[in-house]
Protein backbone atom coordinates (compact mmCIF):
# COMPACT_ATOMS: atom_id res chain seq x y z
CA UNK A 1 0.00 0.00 0.00
CA UNK A 2 3.00 2.27 0.01
CA UNK A 3 5.25 3.43 -2.77
CA UNK A 4 8.46 1.46 -2.39
CA UNK A 5 11.30 3.71 -1.29
CA UNK A 6 8.88 6.59 -0.87
CA UNK A 7 7.15 8.01 2.16
CA UNK A 8 4.29 6.08 3.72
CA UNK A 9 1.56 8.06 5.45
CA UNK A 10 -0.72 6.42 7.98
CA UNK A 11 -3.81 8.42 8.88
CA UNK A 12 -5.58 7.68 12.16
CA UNK A 13 -9.16 8.73 12.82
CA UNK A 14 -10.41 10.26 16.03
CA UNK A 15 -13.25 9.13 18.25
CA UNK A 16 -16.73 9.17 16.72
CA UNK A 17 -15.22 8.59 13.27
CA UNK A 18 -13.64 5.93 11.10
CA UNK A 19 -11.02 5.76 8.37
CA UNK A 20 -13.43 7.03 5.72
CA UNK A 21 -13.06 10.51 7.23
CA UNK A 22 -9.61 10.65 5.58
CA UNK A 23 -10.89 9.84 2.05
CA UNK A 24 -10.22 13.23 0.44
CA UNK A 25 -6.85 13.60 2.16
CA UNK A 26 -5.79 10.11 1.07
CA UNK A 27 -6.79 10.71 -2.56
CA UNK A 28 -4.87 13.99 -2.65
CA UNK A 29 -1.72 12.51 -1.13
CA UNK A 30 -1.86 9.50 -3.45
CA UNK A 31 -2.03 11.86 -6.46
CA UNK A 32 1.28 13.25 -5.16
CA UNK A 33 2.81 9.76 -5.21
CA UNK A 34 2.66 9.00 -1.51
CA UNK A 35 1.58 5.64 -0.14
CA UNK A 36 -1.30 6.30 2.24
CA UNK A 37 -3.50 4.10 4.39
CA UNK A 38 -6.11 4.83 7.03
CA UNK A 39 -5.46 2.77 10.14
CA UNK A 40 -8.60 1.29 11.65
CA UNK A 41 -8.45 1.59 15.43
CA UNK A 42 -11.03 -0.10 17.68
CA UNK A 43 -11.47 2.80 20.13
CA UNK A 44 -11.55 0.34 23.04
CA UNK A 45 -8.50 1.64 24.93
CA UNK A 46 -5.39 3.65 24.20
CA UNK A 47 -3.29 0.46 24.38
CA UNK A 48 -5.60 -1.41 21.98
CA UNK A 49 -5.60 1.55 19.60
CA UNK A 50 -1.79 1.82 19.57
CA UNK A 51 -1.54 -1.94 18.94
CA UNK A 52 -3.96 -1.67 16.00
CA UNK A 53 -1.95 1.25 14.62
CA UNK A 54 1.25 -0.81 14.90
CA UNK A 55 -0.41 -3.58 12.86
CA UNK A 56 -1.27 -1.04 10.15
CA UNK A 57 2.28 0.35 10.22
CA UNK A 58 3.63 -3.17 9.64
CA UNK A 59 1.93 -3.11 6.22
CA UNK A 60 3.93 -0.06 5.09
CA UNK A 61 7.41 0.44 3.68
CA UNK A 62 9.93 3.25 3.75
CA UNK A 63 9.98 6.44 5.80
CA UNK A 64 6.83 6.89 7.84
CA UNK A 65 4.62 9.86 8.67
CA UNK A 66 1.74 9.42 11.12
CA UNK A 67 -1.18 11.79 11.19
CA UNK A 68 -3.86 11.79 13.85
CA UNK A 69 -7.12 13.64 14.21
CA UNK A 70 -8.46 14.61 17.66
CA UNK A 71 -8.10 11.64 20.07
CA UNK A 72 -5.74 9.94 17.59
CA UNK A 73 -3.09 12.51 18.50
CA UNK A 74 -2.58 10.50 21.67
CA UNK A 75 -2.52 7.26 19.67
CA UNK A 76 0.19 8.37 17.23
CA UNK A 77 2.26 9.72 20.14
CA UNK A 78 2.49 6.15 21.48
CA UNK A 79 4.37 4.82 18.46
CA UNK A 80 8.10 4.15 18.54
CA UNK A 81 9.30 3.04 15.11
CA UNK A 82 12.75 3.65 13.65
CA UNK A 83 11.19 4.64 10.30
CA UNK A 84 9.06 7.38 11.89
CA UNK A 85 9.98 10.79 10.48
CA UNK A 86 7.09 13.01 11.58
CA UNK A 87 3.88 13.20 13.57
CA UNK A 88 1.12 15.42 12.17
CA UNK A 89 -1.57 16.56 14.60
CA UNK A 90 -4.88 17.64 13.02
CA UNK A 91 -6.90 19.36 15.75
CA UNK A 92 -5.50 16.57 17.89
CA UNK A 93 -4.62 15.82 21.48
CA UNK A 94 -0.95 16.20 22.22
CA UNK A 95 -0.31 14.80 25.70
CA UNK A 96 2.88 15.69 27.50
CA UNK A 97 5.19 12.77 28.27
CA UNK A 98 3.49 10.64 30.92
CA UNK A 99 0.19 12.53 30.68
CA UNK A 100 -2.99 10.51 30.14
CA UNK A 101 -5.71 11.33 27.64
CA UNK A 102 -8.08 12.11 30.50
CA UNK A 103 -5.60 14.57 31.98
CA UNK A 104 -5.46 16.43 28.65
CA UNK A 105 -9.22 16.91 28.77
CA UNK A 106 -9.10 18.35 32.27
CA UNK A 107 -6.04 20.65 31.99
CA UNK A 108 -8.26 23.71 31.95
CA UNK A 109 -11.68 24.56 33.31
CA UNK A 110 -14.52 23.02 31.37
CA UNK A 111 -16.35 25.39 29.03
CA UNK A 112 -19.91 25.87 30.36
CA UNK A 113 -21.46 24.83 27.03
CA UNK A 114 -19.30 21.74 26.45
CA UNK A 115 -21.04 18.36 26.45
CA UNK A 116 -20.84 16.12 29.50
CA UNK A 117 -19.13 12.89 28.46
CA UNK A 118 -19.69 9.84 30.58
CA UNK A 119 -19.34 6.09 30.01
CA UNK A 120 -22.36 4.00 29.07
CA UNK A 121 -23.27 0.74 30.80
CA UNK A 122 -20.45 -1.06 28.99
CA UNK A 123 -17.86 1.54 29.92
CA UNK A 124 -17.66 3.20 26.49
CA UNK A 125 -17.99 6.94 25.96
C-alpha atoms as a PDB file:
ATOM      1  CA  UNK A   1       0.000   0.000   0.000  1.00  0.00           C
ATOM      2  CA  UNK A   2       2.996   2.275   0.010  1.00  0.00           C
ATOM      3  CA  UNK A   3       5.253   3.427  -2.766  1.00  0.00           C
ATOM      4  CA  UNK A   4       8.463   1.464  -2.390  1.00  0.00           C
ATOM      5  CA  UNK A   5      11.303   3.712  -1.293  1.00  0.00           C
ATOM      6  CA  UNK A   6       8.877   6.588  -0.872  1.00  0.00           C
ATOM      7  CA  UNK A   7       7.150   8.007   2.160  1.00  0.00           C
ATOM      8  CA  UNK A   8       4.287   6.076   3.719  1.00  0.00           C
ATOM      9  CA  UNK A   9       1.563   8.065   5.446  1.00  0.00           C
ATOM     10  CA  UNK A  10      -0.724   6.416   7.978  1.00  0.00           C
ATOM     11  CA  UNK A  11      -3.813   8.423   8.882  1.00  0.00           C
ATOM     12  CA  UNK A  12      -5.578   7.678  12.158  1.00  0.00           C
ATOM     13  CA  UNK A  13      -9.159   8.732  12.825  1.00  0.00           C
ATOM     14  CA  UNK A  14     -10.408  10.257  16.035  1.00  0.00           C
ATOM     15  CA  UNK A  15     -13.251   9.133  18.251  1.00  0.00           C
ATOM     16  CA  UNK A  16     -16.734   9.170  16.723  1.00  0.00           C
ATOM     17  CA  UNK A  17     -15.216   8.591  13.272  1.00  0.00           C
ATOM     18  CA  UNK A  18     -13.636   5.933  11.101  1.00  0.00           C
ATOM     19  CA  UNK A  19     -11.024   5.765   8.372  1.00  0.00           C
ATOM     20  CA  UNK A  20     -13.427   7.032   5.722  1.00  0.00           C
ATOM     21  CA  UNK A  21     -13.058  10.507   7.233  1.00  0.00           C
ATOM     22  CA  UNK A  22      -9.612  10.648   5.584  1.00  0.00           C
ATOM     23  CA  UNK A  23     -10.888   9.841   2.050  1.00  0.00           C
ATOM     24  CA  UNK A  24     -10.218  13.229   0.441  1.00  0.00           C
ATOM     25  CA  UNK A  25      -6.847  13.600   2.156  1.00  0.00           C
ATOM     26  CA  UNK A  26      -5.794  10.109   1.066  1.00  0.00           C
ATOM     27  CA  UNK A  27      -6.789  10.715  -2.556  1.00  0.00           C
ATOM     28  CA  UNK A  28      -4.869  13.992  -2.650  1.00  0.00           C
ATOM     29  CA  UNK A  29      -1.721  12.508  -1.134  1.00  0.00           C
ATOM     30  CA  UNK A  30      -1.863   9.498  -3.449  1.00  0.00           C
ATOM     31  CA  UNK A  31      -2.026  11.858  -6.456  1.00  0.00           C
ATOM     32  CA  UNK A  32       1.280  13.247  -5.163  1.00  0.00           C
ATOM     33  CA  UNK A  33       2.815   9.760  -5.207  1.00  0.00           C
ATOM     34  CA  UNK A  34       2.664   8.997  -1.507  1.00  0.00           C
ATOM     35  CA  UNK A  35       1.579   5.640  -0.143  1.00  0.00           C
ATOM     36  CA  UNK A  36      -1.303   6.296   2.237  1.00  0.00           C
ATOM     37  CA  UNK A  37      -3.504   4.099   4.390  1.00  0.00           C
ATOM     38  CA  UNK A  38      -6.106   4.827   7.027  1.00  0.00           C
ATOM     39  CA  UNK A  39      -5.457   2.770  10.139  1.00  0.00           C
ATOM     40  CA  UNK A  40      -8.602   1.288  11.652  1.00  0.00           C
ATOM     41  CA  UNK A  41      -8.455   1.587  15.429  1.00  0.00           C
ATOM     42  CA  UNK A  42     -11.030  -0.105  17.684  1.00  0.00           C
ATOM     43  CA  UNK A  43     -11.473   2.799  20.134  1.00  0.00           C
ATOM     44  CA  UNK A  44     -11.549   0.345  23.037  1.00  0.00           C
ATOM     45  CA  UNK A  45      -8.502   1.637  24.928  1.00  0.00           C
ATOM     46  CA  UNK A  46      -5.387   3.646  24.205  1.00  0.00           C
ATOM     47  CA  UNK A  47      -3.294   0.462  24.380  1.00  0.00           C
ATOM     48  CA  UNK A  48      -5.602  -1.407  21.977  1.00  0.00           C
ATOM     49  CA  UNK A  49      -5.598   1.552  19.599  1.00  0.00           C
ATOM     50  CA  UNK A  50      -1.794   1.824  19.570  1.00  0.00           C
ATOM     51  CA  UNK A  51      -1.539  -1.936  18.943  1.00  0.00           C
ATOM     52  CA  UNK A  52      -3.960  -1.665  16.004  1.00  0.00           C
ATOM     53  CA  UNK A  53      -1.947   1.246  14.619  1.00  0.00           C
ATOM     54  CA  UNK A  54       1.246  -0.810  14.900  1.00  0.00           C
ATOM     55  CA  UNK A  55      -0.412  -3.583  12.861  1.00  0.00           C
ATOM     56  CA  UNK A  56      -1.272  -1.044  10.148  1.00  0.00           C
ATOM     57  CA  UNK A  57       2.278   0.349  10.216  1.00  0.00           C
ATOM     58  CA  UNK A  58       3.628  -3.170   9.645  1.00  0.00           C
ATOM     59  CA  UNK A  59       1.933  -3.107   6.217  1.00  0.00           C
ATOM     60  CA  UNK A  60       3.934  -0.061   5.089  1.00  0.00           C
ATOM     61  CA  UNK A  61       7.412   0.439   3.678  1.00  0.00           C
ATOM     62  CA  UNK A  62       9.931   3.249   3.746  1.00  0.00           C
ATOM     63  CA  UNK A  63       9.985   6.438   5.796  1.00  0.00           C
ATOM     64  CA  UNK A  64       6.832   6.891   7.840  1.00  0.00           C
ATOM     65  CA  UNK A  65       4.619   9.862   8.667  1.00  0.00           C
ATOM     66  CA  UNK A  66       1.741   9.415  11.115  1.00  0.00           C
ATOM     67  CA  UNK A  67      -1.180  11.792  11.186  1.00  0.00           C
ATOM     68  CA  UNK A  68      -3.856  11.790  13.851  1.00  0.00           C
ATOM     69  CA  UNK A  69      -7.124  13.637  14.212  1.00  0.00           C
ATOM     70  CA  UNK A  70      -8.457  14.606  17.657  1.00  0.00           C
ATOM     71  CA  UNK A  71      -8.102  11.643  20.066  1.00  0.00           C
ATOM     72  CA  UNK A  72      -5.741   9.937  17.589  1.00  0.00           C
ATOM     73  CA  UNK A  73      -3.091  12.507  18.499  1.00  0.00           C
ATOM     74  CA  UNK A  74      -2.581  10.502  21.675  1.00  0.00           C
ATOM     75  CA  UNK A  75      -2.518   7.262  19.671  1.00  0.00           C
ATOM     76  CA  UNK A  76       0.193   8.375  17.235  1.00  0.00           C
ATOM     77  CA  UNK A  77       2.264   9.718  20.135  1.00  0.00           C
ATOM     78  CA  UNK A  78       2.487   6.154  21.478  1.00  0.00           C
ATOM     79  CA  UNK A  79       4.372   4.820  18.459  1.00  0.00           C
ATOM     80  CA  UNK A  80       8.101   4.145  18.536  1.00  0.00           C
ATOM     81  CA  UNK A  81       9.300   3.035  15.113  1.00  0.00           C
ATOM     82  CA  UNK A  82      12.749   3.647  13.652  1.00  0.00           C
ATOM     83  CA  UNK A  83      11.187   4.641  10.303  1.00  0.00           C
ATOM     84  CA  UNK A  84       9.057   7.383  11.889  1.00  0.00           C
ATOM     85  CA  UNK A  85       9.981  10.793  10.479  1.00  0.00           C
ATOM     86  CA  UNK A  86       7.089  13.014  11.583  1.00  0.00           C
ATOM     87  CA  UNK A  87       3.879  13.199  13.566  1.00  0.00           C
ATOM     88  CA  UNK A  88       1.117  15.415  12.174  1.00  0.00           C
ATOM     89  CA  UNK A  89      -1.574  16.560  14.605  1.00  0.00           C
ATOM     90  CA  UNK A  90      -4.878  17.635  13.025  1.00  0.00           C
ATOM     91  CA  UNK A  91      -6.904  19.356  15.750  1.00  0.00           C
ATOM     92  CA  UNK A  92      -5.503  16.574  17.890  1.00  0.00           C
ATOM     93  CA  UNK A  93      -4.622  15.817  21.484  1.00  0.00           C
ATOM     94  CA  UNK A  94      -0.947  16.201  22.223  1.00  0.00           C
ATOM     95  CA  UNK A  95      -0.313  14.800  25.700  1.00  0.00           C
ATOM     96  CA  UNK A  96       2.879  15.686  27.498  1.00  0.00           C
ATOM     97  CA  UNK A  97       5.190  12.772  28.267  1.00  0.00           C
ATOM     98  CA  UNK A  98       3.495  10.636  30.921  1.00  0.00           C
ATOM     99  CA  UNK A  99       0.194  12.527  30.676  1.00  0.00           C
ATOM    100  CA  UNK A 100      -2.991  10.513  30.141  1.00  0.00           C
ATOM    101  CA  UNK A 101      -5.709  11.332  27.635  1.00  0.00           C
ATOM    102  CA  UNK A 102      -8.079  12.106  30.498  1.00  0.00           C
ATOM    103  CA  UNK A 103      -5.596  14.566  31.983  1.00  0.00           C
ATOM    104  CA  UNK A 104      -5.457  16.427  28.654  1.00  0.00           C
ATOM    105  CA  UNK A 105      -9.223  16.907  28.770  1.00  0.00           C
ATOM    106  CA  UNK A 106      -9.095  18.351  32.272  1.00  0.00           C
ATOM    107  CA  UNK A 107      -6.040  20.653  31.987  1.00  0.00           C
ATOM    108  CA  UNK A 108      -8.258  23.713  31.952  1.00  0.00           C
ATOM    109  CA  UNK A 109     -11.681  24.562  33.310  1.00  0.00           C
ATOM    110  CA  UNK A 110     -14.518  23.024  31.366  1.00  0.00           C
ATOM    111  CA  UNK A 111     -16.351  25.388  29.033  1.00  0.00           C
ATOM    112  CA  UNK A 112     -19.908  25.874  30.359  1.00  0.00           C
ATOM    113  CA  UNK A 113     -21.458  24.834  27.026  1.00  0.00           C
ATOM    114  CA  UNK A 114     -19.304  21.744  26.449  1.00  0.00           C
ATOM    115  CA  UNK A 115     -21.043  18.356  26.453  1.00  0.00           C
ATOM    116  CA  UNK A 116     -20.841  16.116  29.497  1.00  0.00           C
ATOM    117  CA  UNK A 117     -19.127  12.887  28.457  1.00  0.00           C
ATOM    118  CA  UNK A 118     -19.693   9.839  30.578  1.00  0.00           C
ATOM    119  CA  UNK A 119     -19.340   6.089  30.011  1.00  0.00           C
ATOM    120  CA  UNK A 120     -22.364   3.998  29.070  1.00  0.00           C
ATOM    121  CA  UNK A 121     -23.273   0.739  30.803  1.00  0.00           C
ATOM    122  CA  UNK A 122     -20.448  -1.065  28.985  1.00  0.00           C
ATOM    123  CA  UNK A 123     -17.860   1.544  29.917  1.00  0.00           C
ATOM    124  CA  UNK A 124     -17.660   3.201  26.491  1.00  0.00           C
ATOM    125  CA  UNK A 125     -17.994   6.935  25.957  1.00  0.00           C
END
